[in-house]
Amino acid sequence: MANPFRRILYTFTANPFKKWKPRGKIYSFRCSQCGEVFISSHNLDAPLCNKCIQKIKSLDSTVDNEKKCSECGNSGVIYGKDRCHSCYFSFKKNK
C-alpha cells in the first residue's frame, strides 16, 4: 500500500507551475495608518491593513477626557493608561 503522506505531498507539488488566479476584481491599496501596501477583493473607502485593523478592534473605547496625554499633551487618554490612542498605538506618522 502507498504511503498516504507521499500522496498528499504529491498533490501539493504535482504542478508547481500552476498559478493561482483571482476571481473577480482585485484592488491594490495603501494603508491609511501605517502606509503598508495590501490587496483586497473589495473596493474600500478607508483602507486599513490587517495589523491596523487588529489594533483598532482591540482599542478600549473608554476615554478619560479629564487627563492629558503624557507624550503629546492632548486631553483624552485611554482609561487606565497615561497616553491617548494616537500615541499608545503609534498611529502618528514620523515627520
N, C-alpha and C. Protein backbone atom coordinates (compact mmCIF):
# COMPACT_ATOMS: atom_id res chain seq x y z
N MET A 1 0.85 -1.18 0.00
CA MET A 1 0.00 0.00 0.00
C MET A 1 0.90 1.24 0.00
N ALA A 2 0.48 2.27 -0.72
CA ALA A 2 1.26 3.50 -0.84
C ALA A 2 1.16 4.32 0.45
N ASN A 3 2.19 5.05 0.70
CA ASN A 3 2.24 5.91 1.87
C ASN A 3 1.28 7.09 1.66
N PRO A 4 0.32 7.33 2.58
CA PRO A 4 -0.64 8.42 2.39
C PRO A 4 0.04 9.79 2.41
N PHE A 5 1.13 9.92 3.16
CA PHE A 5 1.85 11.20 3.18
C PHE A 5 2.44 11.51 1.82
N ARG A 6 2.94 10.50 1.15
CA ARG A 6 3.52 10.70 -0.18
C ARG A 6 2.45 11.15 -1.17
N ARG A 7 1.24 10.62 -1.04
CA ARG A 7 0.14 11.01 -1.92
C ARG A 7 -0.23 12.48 -1.68
N ILE A 8 -0.29 12.89 -0.41
CA ILE A 8 -0.62 14.29 -0.08
C ILE A 8 0.49 15.20 -0.57
N LEU A 9 1.72 14.83 -0.36
CA LEU A 9 2.84 15.62 -0.82
C LEU A 9 2.83 15.76 -2.34
N TYR A 10 2.47 14.69 -3.04
CA TYR A 10 2.42 14.73 -4.50
C TYR A 10 1.34 15.69 -4.99
N THR A 11 0.19 15.73 -4.30
CA THR A 11 -0.88 16.62 -4.74
C THR A 11 -0.48 18.08 -4.61
N PHE A 12 0.35 18.42 -3.61
CA PHE A 12 0.79 19.80 -3.45
C PHE A 12 1.90 20.18 -4.43
N THR A 13 2.71 19.22 -4.82
CA THR A 13 3.85 19.52 -5.70
C THR A 13 3.67 18.98 -7.11
N ALA A 14 2.50 18.48 -7.44
CA ALA A 14 2.29 17.86 -8.75
C ALA A 14 2.51 18.86 -9.88
N ASN A 15 2.02 20.08 -9.73
CA ASN A 15 2.18 21.07 -10.77
C ASN A 15 2.66 22.37 -10.13
N PRO A 16 3.96 22.53 -9.93
CA PRO A 16 4.45 23.74 -9.27
C PRO A 16 4.32 24.99 -10.13
N PHE A 17 4.06 24.84 -11.44
CA PHE A 17 3.95 25.99 -12.32
C PHE A 17 2.52 26.49 -12.47
N LYS A 18 1.59 25.79 -11.85
CA LYS A 18 0.19 26.23 -11.89
C LYS A 18 0.05 27.45 -10.99
N LYS A 19 -0.51 28.52 -11.53
CA LYS A 19 -0.61 29.77 -10.78
C LYS A 19 -2.02 29.96 -10.26
N TRP A 20 -2.09 30.62 -9.11
CA TRP A 20 -3.36 30.99 -8.53
C TRP A 20 -3.90 32.18 -9.31
N LYS A 21 -5.16 32.12 -9.67
CA LYS A 21 -5.78 33.20 -10.40
C LYS A 21 -6.97 33.73 -9.59
N PRO A 22 -7.00 35.03 -9.33
CA PRO A 22 -8.12 35.57 -8.55
C PRO A 22 -9.39 35.61 -9.38
N ARG A 23 -10.49 35.50 -8.70
CA ARG A 23 -11.79 35.60 -9.36
C ARG A 23 -12.37 36.96 -9.02
N GLY A 24 -12.83 37.65 -9.99
CA GLY A 24 -13.37 38.99 -9.77
C GLY A 24 -12.28 40.04 -9.80
N LYS A 25 -12.62 41.23 -9.32
CA LYS A 25 -11.66 42.33 -9.32
C LYS A 25 -10.79 42.29 -8.07
N ILE A 26 -9.55 42.71 -8.23
CA ILE A 26 -8.61 42.83 -7.12
C ILE A 26 -8.14 44.28 -7.08
N TYR A 27 -8.19 44.89 -5.90
CA TYR A 27 -7.79 46.27 -5.73
C TYR A 27 -6.51 46.35 -4.91
N SER A 28 -5.64 47.25 -5.27
CA SER A 28 -4.41 47.48 -4.54
C SER A 28 -4.58 48.76 -3.71
N PHE A 29 -4.25 48.69 -2.43
CA PHE A 29 -4.42 49.83 -1.52
C PHE A 29 -3.15 50.09 -0.74
N ARG A 30 -3.06 51.29 -0.20
CA ARG A 30 -2.02 51.64 0.77
C ARG A 30 -2.75 51.97 2.07
N CYS A 31 -2.31 51.35 3.17
CA CYS A 31 -2.96 51.54 4.47
C CYS A 31 -2.90 53.01 4.87
N SER A 32 -4.02 53.55 5.32
CA SER A 32 -4.07 54.96 5.68
C SER A 32 -3.39 55.24 7.02
N GLN A 33 -3.11 54.20 7.82
CA GLN A 33 -2.46 54.39 9.11
C GLN A 33 -0.95 54.21 9.02
N CYS A 34 -0.50 53.06 8.50
CA CYS A 34 0.93 52.75 8.52
C CYS A 34 1.59 52.85 7.15
N GLY A 35 0.83 52.90 6.07
CA GLY A 35 1.39 53.05 4.74
C GLY A 35 1.75 51.74 4.06
N GLU A 36 1.45 50.60 4.67
CA GLU A 36 1.76 49.30 4.08
C GLU A 36 0.83 49.04 2.89
N VAL A 37 1.37 48.42 1.85
CA VAL A 37 0.60 48.11 0.65
C VAL A 37 -0.05 46.73 0.82
N PHE A 38 -1.32 46.62 0.43
CA PHE A 38 -2.02 45.34 0.51
C PHE A 38 -3.07 45.28 -0.59
N ILE A 39 -3.58 44.07 -0.85
CA ILE A 39 -4.62 43.90 -1.86
C ILE A 39 -5.91 43.43 -1.20
N SER A 40 -7.01 43.73 -1.86
CA SER A 40 -8.32 43.34 -1.35
C SER A 40 -9.25 43.09 -2.52
N SER A 41 -10.23 42.25 -2.31
CA SER A 41 -11.21 42.00 -3.35
C SER A 41 -12.40 42.95 -3.24
N HIS A 42 -12.35 43.85 -2.25
CA HIS A 42 -13.41 44.84 -2.05
C HIS A 42 -12.84 46.23 -2.28
N ASN A 43 -13.62 47.12 -2.87
CA ASN A 43 -13.21 48.50 -3.07
C ASN A 43 -13.47 49.26 -1.77
N LEU A 44 -12.44 49.47 -0.97
CA LEU A 44 -12.58 50.05 0.36
C LEU A 44 -12.51 51.57 0.32
N ASP A 45 -13.35 52.23 1.14
CA ASP A 45 -13.31 53.68 1.24
C ASP A 45 -12.17 54.13 2.17
N ALA A 46 -11.98 53.42 3.27
CA ALA A 46 -10.93 53.73 4.24
C ALA A 46 -10.03 52.49 4.38
N PRO A 47 -9.01 52.37 3.53
CA PRO A 47 -8.19 51.16 3.55
C PRO A 47 -7.32 51.05 4.79
N LEU A 48 -7.41 49.90 5.47
CA LEU A 48 -6.57 49.58 6.62
C LEU A 48 -6.03 48.17 6.44
N CYS A 49 -4.74 47.98 6.71
CA CYS A 49 -4.15 46.64 6.59
C CYS A 49 -4.58 45.78 7.78
N ASN A 50 -4.21 44.51 7.75
CA ASN A 50 -4.63 43.58 8.80
C ASN A 50 -4.10 43.97 10.18
N LYS A 51 -2.85 44.45 10.24
CA LYS A 51 -2.28 44.83 11.54
C LYS A 51 -3.04 46.00 12.15
N CYS A 52 -3.34 47.00 11.35
CA CYS A 52 -4.05 48.18 11.86
C CYS A 52 -5.50 47.85 12.20
N ILE A 53 -6.11 46.96 11.45
CA ILE A 53 -7.48 46.52 11.77
C ILE A 53 -7.50 45.86 13.14
N GLN A 54 -6.50 45.01 13.43
CA GLN A 54 -6.45 44.34 14.72
C GLN A 54 -6.21 45.34 15.84
N LYS A 55 -5.39 46.36 15.60
CA LYS A 55 -5.17 47.38 16.62
C LYS A 55 -6.46 48.12 16.92
N ILE A 56 -7.20 48.46 15.88
CA ILE A 56 -8.44 49.21 16.07
C ILE A 56 -9.50 48.35 16.74
N LYS A 57 -9.55 47.06 16.39
CA LYS A 57 -10.51 46.16 17.04
C LYS A 57 -10.23 46.01 18.52
N SER A 58 -8.95 46.09 18.90
CA SER A 58 -8.61 45.88 20.30
C SER A 58 -8.59 47.18 21.10
N LEU A 59 -8.97 48.28 20.48
CA LEU A 59 -8.99 49.55 21.21
C LEU A 59 -9.97 49.50 22.35
N ASP A 60 -9.59 50.10 23.45
CA ASP A 60 -10.52 50.28 24.55
C ASP A 60 -11.28 51.56 24.27
N SER A 61 -12.58 51.48 24.09
CA SER A 61 -13.37 52.65 23.68
C SER A 61 -13.62 53.62 24.84
N THR A 62 -13.25 53.25 26.06
CA THR A 62 -13.45 54.14 27.20
C THR A 62 -12.33 55.16 27.24
N VAL A 63 -12.69 56.45 27.20
CA VAL A 63 -11.71 57.53 27.19
C VAL A 63 -11.92 58.40 28.41
N ASP A 64 -10.83 58.73 29.10
CA ASP A 64 -10.88 59.63 30.24
C ASP A 64 -10.48 61.02 29.74
N ASN A 65 -11.47 61.90 29.54
CA ASN A 65 -11.23 63.22 28.96
C ASN A 65 -10.61 64.21 29.93
N GLU A 66 -10.59 63.90 31.23
CA GLU A 66 -10.03 64.84 32.20
C GLU A 66 -8.51 64.78 32.24
N LYS A 67 -7.91 63.66 31.88
CA LYS A 67 -6.45 63.52 31.92
C LYS A 67 -5.84 63.95 30.60
N LYS A 68 -4.56 64.36 30.64
CA LYS A 68 -3.83 64.75 29.45
C LYS A 68 -2.79 63.69 29.12
N CYS A 69 -2.54 63.52 27.83
CA CYS A 69 -1.56 62.54 27.35
C CYS A 69 -0.16 62.95 27.81
N SER A 70 0.61 61.97 28.26
CA SER A 70 1.96 62.26 28.75
C SER A 70 2.95 62.54 27.62
N GLU A 71 2.62 62.12 26.38
CA GLU A 71 3.53 62.35 25.25
C GLU A 71 3.19 63.63 24.48
N CYS A 72 1.95 63.76 24.04
CA CYS A 72 1.59 64.89 23.17
C CYS A 72 0.87 66.02 23.91
N GLY A 73 0.31 65.75 25.08
CA GLY A 73 -0.36 66.78 25.85
C GLY A 73 -1.83 66.98 25.53
N ASN A 74 -2.37 66.23 24.58
CA ASN A 74 -3.80 66.34 24.25
C ASN A 74 -4.64 65.71 25.36
N SER A 75 -5.84 66.24 25.57
CA SER A 75 -6.73 65.66 26.56
C SER A 75 -7.45 64.46 25.95
N GLY A 76 -7.81 63.51 26.79
CA GLY A 76 -8.50 62.31 26.34
C GLY A 76 -7.54 61.13 26.21
N VAL A 77 -7.34 60.42 27.30
CA VAL A 77 -6.44 59.26 27.29
C VAL A 77 -7.26 57.98 27.45
N ILE A 78 -6.66 56.87 27.11
CA ILE A 78 -7.31 55.57 27.30
C ILE A 78 -7.46 55.34 28.79
N TYR A 79 -8.62 54.85 29.19
CA TYR A 79 -8.89 54.64 30.60
C TYR A 79 -7.86 53.66 31.18
N GLY A 80 -7.22 54.06 32.26
CA GLY A 80 -6.23 53.23 32.92
C GLY A 80 -4.83 53.38 32.33
N LYS A 81 -4.65 54.23 31.34
CA LYS A 81 -3.34 54.47 30.72
C LYS A 81 -2.99 55.94 30.90
N ASP A 82 -1.81 56.33 30.42
CA ASP A 82 -1.43 57.73 30.50
C ASP A 82 -1.19 58.36 29.13
N ARG A 83 -1.62 57.65 28.06
CA ARG A 83 -1.43 58.16 26.70
C ARG A 83 -2.73 58.07 25.92
N CYS A 84 -2.85 58.95 24.90
CA CYS A 84 -4.03 58.93 24.03
C CYS A 84 -3.91 57.78 23.03
N HIS A 85 -4.97 57.55 22.25
CA HIS A 85 -4.97 56.46 21.28
C HIS A 85 -3.85 56.60 20.26
N SER A 86 -3.65 57.81 19.75
CA SER A 86 -2.62 58.02 18.72
C SER A 86 -1.22 57.69 19.23
N CYS A 87 -0.91 58.13 20.44
CA CYS A 87 0.43 57.87 20.99
C CYS A 87 0.56 56.41 21.44
N TYR A 88 -0.49 55.86 22.02
CA TYR A 88 -0.42 54.49 22.55
C TYR A 88 -0.23 53.47 21.43
N PHE A 89 -0.92 53.66 20.31
CA PHE A 89 -0.84 52.70 19.21
C PHE A 89 0.10 53.16 18.09
N SER A 90 0.85 54.23 18.33
CA SER A 90 1.85 54.74 17.37
C SER A 90 1.24 55.01 16.00
N PHE A 91 0.08 55.65 15.97
CA PHE A 91 -0.56 55.98 14.71
C PHE A 91 -0.03 57.28 14.12
N LYS A 92 0.80 58.00 14.85
CA LYS A 92 1.36 59.24 14.33
C LYS A 92 2.42 58.92 13.31
N LYS A 93 2.43 59.68 12.24
CA LYS A 93 3.43 59.48 11.20
C LYS A 93 4.67 60.29 11.55
N ASN A 94 5.84 59.70 11.32
CA ASN A 94 7.09 60.40 11.56
C ASN A 94 7.28 61.48 10.51
N LYS A 95 7.62 62.66 10.95
CA LYS A 95 7.79 63.78 10.02
C LYS A 95 9.23 63.89 9.59
